[in-house]
Amino acid sequence: MRVGIGHDTHRLAEGRPLILGGRRIEHPTGLVGHSDADVVCHALADALLGAAGLGDIGEHYPDTDPEWSGLDSTRLLAEVVGLLAAEGWRPVNADVIVHAQAPKLGPHKAAIRGNLARLLGLPESAVNVKAKTGEHVGPVGRAEAICCHAVVLIEPTPAPVPADR
């Protein structure tokens, strides 16, 4: 088994949708980035890649490549799960902390959790989503940015049993 940790931060601006864990959340500001800037999916993807020793999302999805402009980060996360599977790994569980002064994320945690579980191929009981404010300190506390930390555990995929057994 291996453990990976991921982190992502994006600034907030008007005129952008706020997407966290693949869920659109109504808010006057959204995250700015080359893709949809979903810090939850990005942090989870980085944690998975790190656990498997496969680099980071910047290597696989560089923000200098126009191909990834406006990318739906749920696609990115699903592709990373597929990459791990091709390398013989699968997620066991995930724990994420979303740091946001606003909006309050309590009402959205269950939907984010369910979506992440689906994307990771896990039962909801193996995924946890926590929300914290910035206590009005720093860019998160001033509602200028949202960040996410993610920790994942992965395990080798069991070898297939030959059909003749």
Protein backbone atom coordinates (compact mmCIF):
# COMPACT_ATOMS: atom_id res chain seq x y z
CA MET A 1 0.00 0.00 0.00
CA ARG A 2 1.09 3.56 -0.62
CA VAL A 3 -0.02 6.98 0.63
CA GLY A 4 -0.13 10.18 -1.41
CA ILE A 5 -0.79 13.81 -0.52
CA GLY A 6 -2.02 16.53 -2.81
CA HIS A 7 -2.63 20.27 -2.59
CA ASP A 8 -4.06 22.90 -4.90
CA THR A 9 -4.97 26.58 -4.60
CA HIS A 10 -6.77 28.85 -7.04
CA ARG A 11 -7.83 32.46 -6.68
CA LEU A 12 -11.45 33.53 -6.89
CA ALA A 13 -12.86 36.02 -9.40
CA GLU A 14 -16.24 37.20 -10.63
CA GLY A 15 -17.56 35.71 -13.83
CA ARG A 16 -16.24 32.20 -13.21
CA PRO A 17 -18.27 29.17 -12.08
CA LEU A 18 -17.40 27.69 -8.70
CA ILE A 19 -16.81 23.97 -9.14
CA LEU A 20 -15.62 21.80 -6.25
CA GLY A 21 -15.35 18.03 -6.48
CA GLY A 22 -17.13 18.18 -9.83
CA ARG A 23 -20.16 19.92 -8.32
CA ARG A 24 -21.20 23.41 -9.37
CA ILE A 25 -21.92 25.61 -6.37
CA GLU A 26 -23.88 28.82 -6.80
CA HIS A 27 -21.66 31.71 -5.70
CA PRO A 28 -20.86 35.17 -7.11
CA THR A 29 -17.21 34.21 -7.64
CA GLY A 30 -15.51 31.13 -9.03
CA LEU A 31 -12.03 29.70 -9.28
CA VAL A 32 -9.63 30.98 -11.93
CA GLY A 33 -7.42 28.57 -13.85
CA HIS A 34 -6.47 27.10 -17.19
CA SER A 35 -9.04 24.32 -16.61
CA ASP A 36 -12.23 24.67 -14.57
CA ALA A 37 -9.85 25.15 -11.59
CA ASP A 38 -11.55 22.52 -9.40
CA VAL A 39 -9.08 22.45 -6.50
CA VAL A 40 -10.65 19.29 -5.04
CA CYS A 41 -10.20 17.19 -8.17
CA HIS A 42 -6.72 18.65 -8.71
CA ALA A 43 -5.56 17.90 -5.15
CA LEU A 44 -6.95 14.35 -5.37
CA ALA A 45 -5.32 13.74 -8.75
CA ASP A 46 -1.97 14.94 -7.41
CA ALA A 47 -2.32 12.72 -4.33
CA LEU A 48 -3.07 9.68 -6.51
CA LEU A 49 -0.22 10.39 -8.91
CA GLY A 50 2.18 10.92 -6.01
CA ALA A 51 1.17 7.71 -4.28
CA ALA A 52 1.83 5.75 -7.47
CA GLY A 53 5.10 7.59 -8.17
CA LEU A 54 3.72 9.00 -11.42
CA GLY A 55 4.61 12.68 -11.06
CA ASP A 56 1.99 15.41 -10.79
CA ILE A 57 -0.88 16.87 -12.79
CA GLY A 58 1.34 19.63 -14.17
CA GLU A 59 3.37 16.97 -15.97
CA HIS A 60 0.31 15.20 -17.37
CA TYR A 61 -1.93 18.26 -17.94
CA PRO A 62 0.37 21.31 -18.36
CA ASP A 63 -1.35 24.68 -18.14
CA THR A 64 0.72 25.80 -21.12
CA ASP A 65 -1.04 23.29 -23.41
CA PRO A 66 -4.18 24.68 -25.10
CA GLU A 67 -5.59 21.14 -25.23
CA TRP A 68 -6.39 21.40 -21.51
CA SER A 69 -7.95 24.88 -21.63
CA GLY A 70 -11.33 24.75 -19.89
CA LEU A 71 -10.86 21.06 -19.02
CA ASP A 72 -13.55 19.52 -16.83
CA SER A 73 -11.49 18.36 -13.86
CA THR A 74 -13.71 15.35 -13.28
CA ARG A 75 -12.33 14.09 -16.61
CA LEU A 76 -8.81 14.77 -15.36
CA LEU A 77 -9.46 12.83 -12.14
CA ALA A 78 -11.10 9.93 -14.00
CA GLU A 79 -8.13 9.76 -16.39
CA VAL A 80 -5.71 9.71 -13.46
CA VAL A 81 -7.66 6.84 -11.86
CA GLY A 82 -7.40 5.05 -15.22
CA LEU A 83 -3.67 5.73 -15.40
CA LEU A 84 -3.21 4.22 -11.94
CA ALA A 85 -5.26 1.18 -12.97
CA ALA A 86 -3.03 0.72 -16.02
CA GLU A 87 -0.04 0.77 -13.66
CA GLY A 88 -1.64 -1.82 -11.35
CA TRP A 89 -3.00 0.45 -8.59
CA ARG A 90 -6.43 1.34 -7.24
CA PRO A 91 -7.64 3.80 -4.59
CA VAL A 92 -8.57 2.47 -1.15
CA ASN A 93 -9.78 5.68 0.49
CA ALA A 94 -9.53 9.45 0.24
CA ASP A 95 -9.72 12.29 2.73
CA VAL A 96 -9.96 15.92 1.58
CA ILE A 97 -10.06 19.26 3.34
CA VAL A 98 -11.46 22.22 1.43
CA HIS A 99 -10.38 25.60 2.82
CA ALA A 100 -12.87 28.33 1.87
CA GLN A 101 -14.10 31.39 3.74
CA ALA A 102 -17.16 31.51 1.50
CA PRO A 103 -19.41 29.97 0.52
CA LYS A 104 -20.18 27.78 3.47
CA LEU A 105 -19.62 24.25 2.20
CA GLY A 106 -21.48 22.24 4.84
CA PRO A 107 -24.61 21.93 2.67
CA HIS A 108 -22.50 20.73 -0.29
CA LYS A 109 -20.21 18.18 1.38
CA ALA A 110 -22.47 15.15 0.87
CA ALA A 111 -22.88 15.84 -2.87
CA ILE A 112 -19.13 16.39 -3.29
CA ARG A 113 -18.41 13.20 -1.34
CA GLY A 114 -20.80 11.16 -3.47
CA ASN A 115 -19.36 12.50 -6.70
CA LEU A 116 -15.77 11.85 -5.60
CA ALA A 117 -16.67 8.30 -4.52
CA ARG A 118 -18.17 7.66 -7.96
CA LEU A 119 -15.11 9.08 -9.75
CA LEU A 120 -12.72 7.05 -7.59
CA GLY A 121 -14.78 3.85 -7.83
CA LEU A 122 -15.18 3.71 -4.06
CA PRO A 123 -18.08 3.43 -1.64
CA GLU A 124 -18.99 6.75 -0.05
CA SER A 125 -17.80 5.38 3.29
CA ALA A 126 -14.24 5.37 1.87
CA VAL A 127 -14.32 9.08 0.99
CA ASN A 128 -14.37 11.95 3.46
CA VAL A 129 -14.82 15.67 2.78
CA LYS A 130 -14.11 18.30 5.40
CA ALA A 131 -14.61 22.06 5.07
CA LYS A 132 -12.68 24.72 6.95
CA THR A 133 -12.69 28.50 6.79
CA GLY A 134 -9.61 30.65 6.77
CA GLU A 135 -10.73 32.44 9.96
CA HIS A 136 -10.44 35.71 7.97
CA VAL A 137 -6.65 35.24 7.71
CA GLY A 138 -4.63 35.15 4.48
CA PRO A 139 -5.97 34.80 0.93
CA VAL A 140 -8.46 32.08 1.90
CA GLY A 141 -9.68 34.04 4.92
CA ARG A 142 -10.13 37.16 2.80
CA ALA A 143 -12.18 35.07 0.30
CA GLU A 144 -9.57 35.67 -2.42
CA ALA A 145 -8.80 31.97 -2.91
CA ILE A 146 -9.90 28.43 -2.13
CA CYS A 147 -7.48 25.58 -1.52
CA CYS A 148 -7.71 21.87 -0.91
CA HIS A 149 -5.52 19.23 0.71
CA ALA A 150 -6.05 15.57 -0.12
CA VAL A 151 -4.64 12.32 1.23
CA VAL A 152 -5.19 8.97 -0.48
CA LEU A 153 -4.29 5.38 0.14
CA ILE A 154 -3.76 3.11 -2.86
CA GLU A 155 -3.16 -0.61 -3.13
CA PRO A 156 -1.99 -2.93 -5.88
CA THR A 157 -4.77 -4.26 -8.06
CA PRO A 158 -5.16 -8.01 -7.47
CA ALA A 159 -3.80 -10.14 -10.29
CA PRO A 160 -6.57 -11.68 -12.38
CA VAL A 161 -7.27 -15.34 -11.71
CA PRO A 162 -6.71 -17.44 -14.85
CA ALA A 163 -9.97 -18.71 -16.39
CA ASP A 164 -8.82 -22.37 -16.27
CA ARG A 165 -8.71 -22.47 -12.47
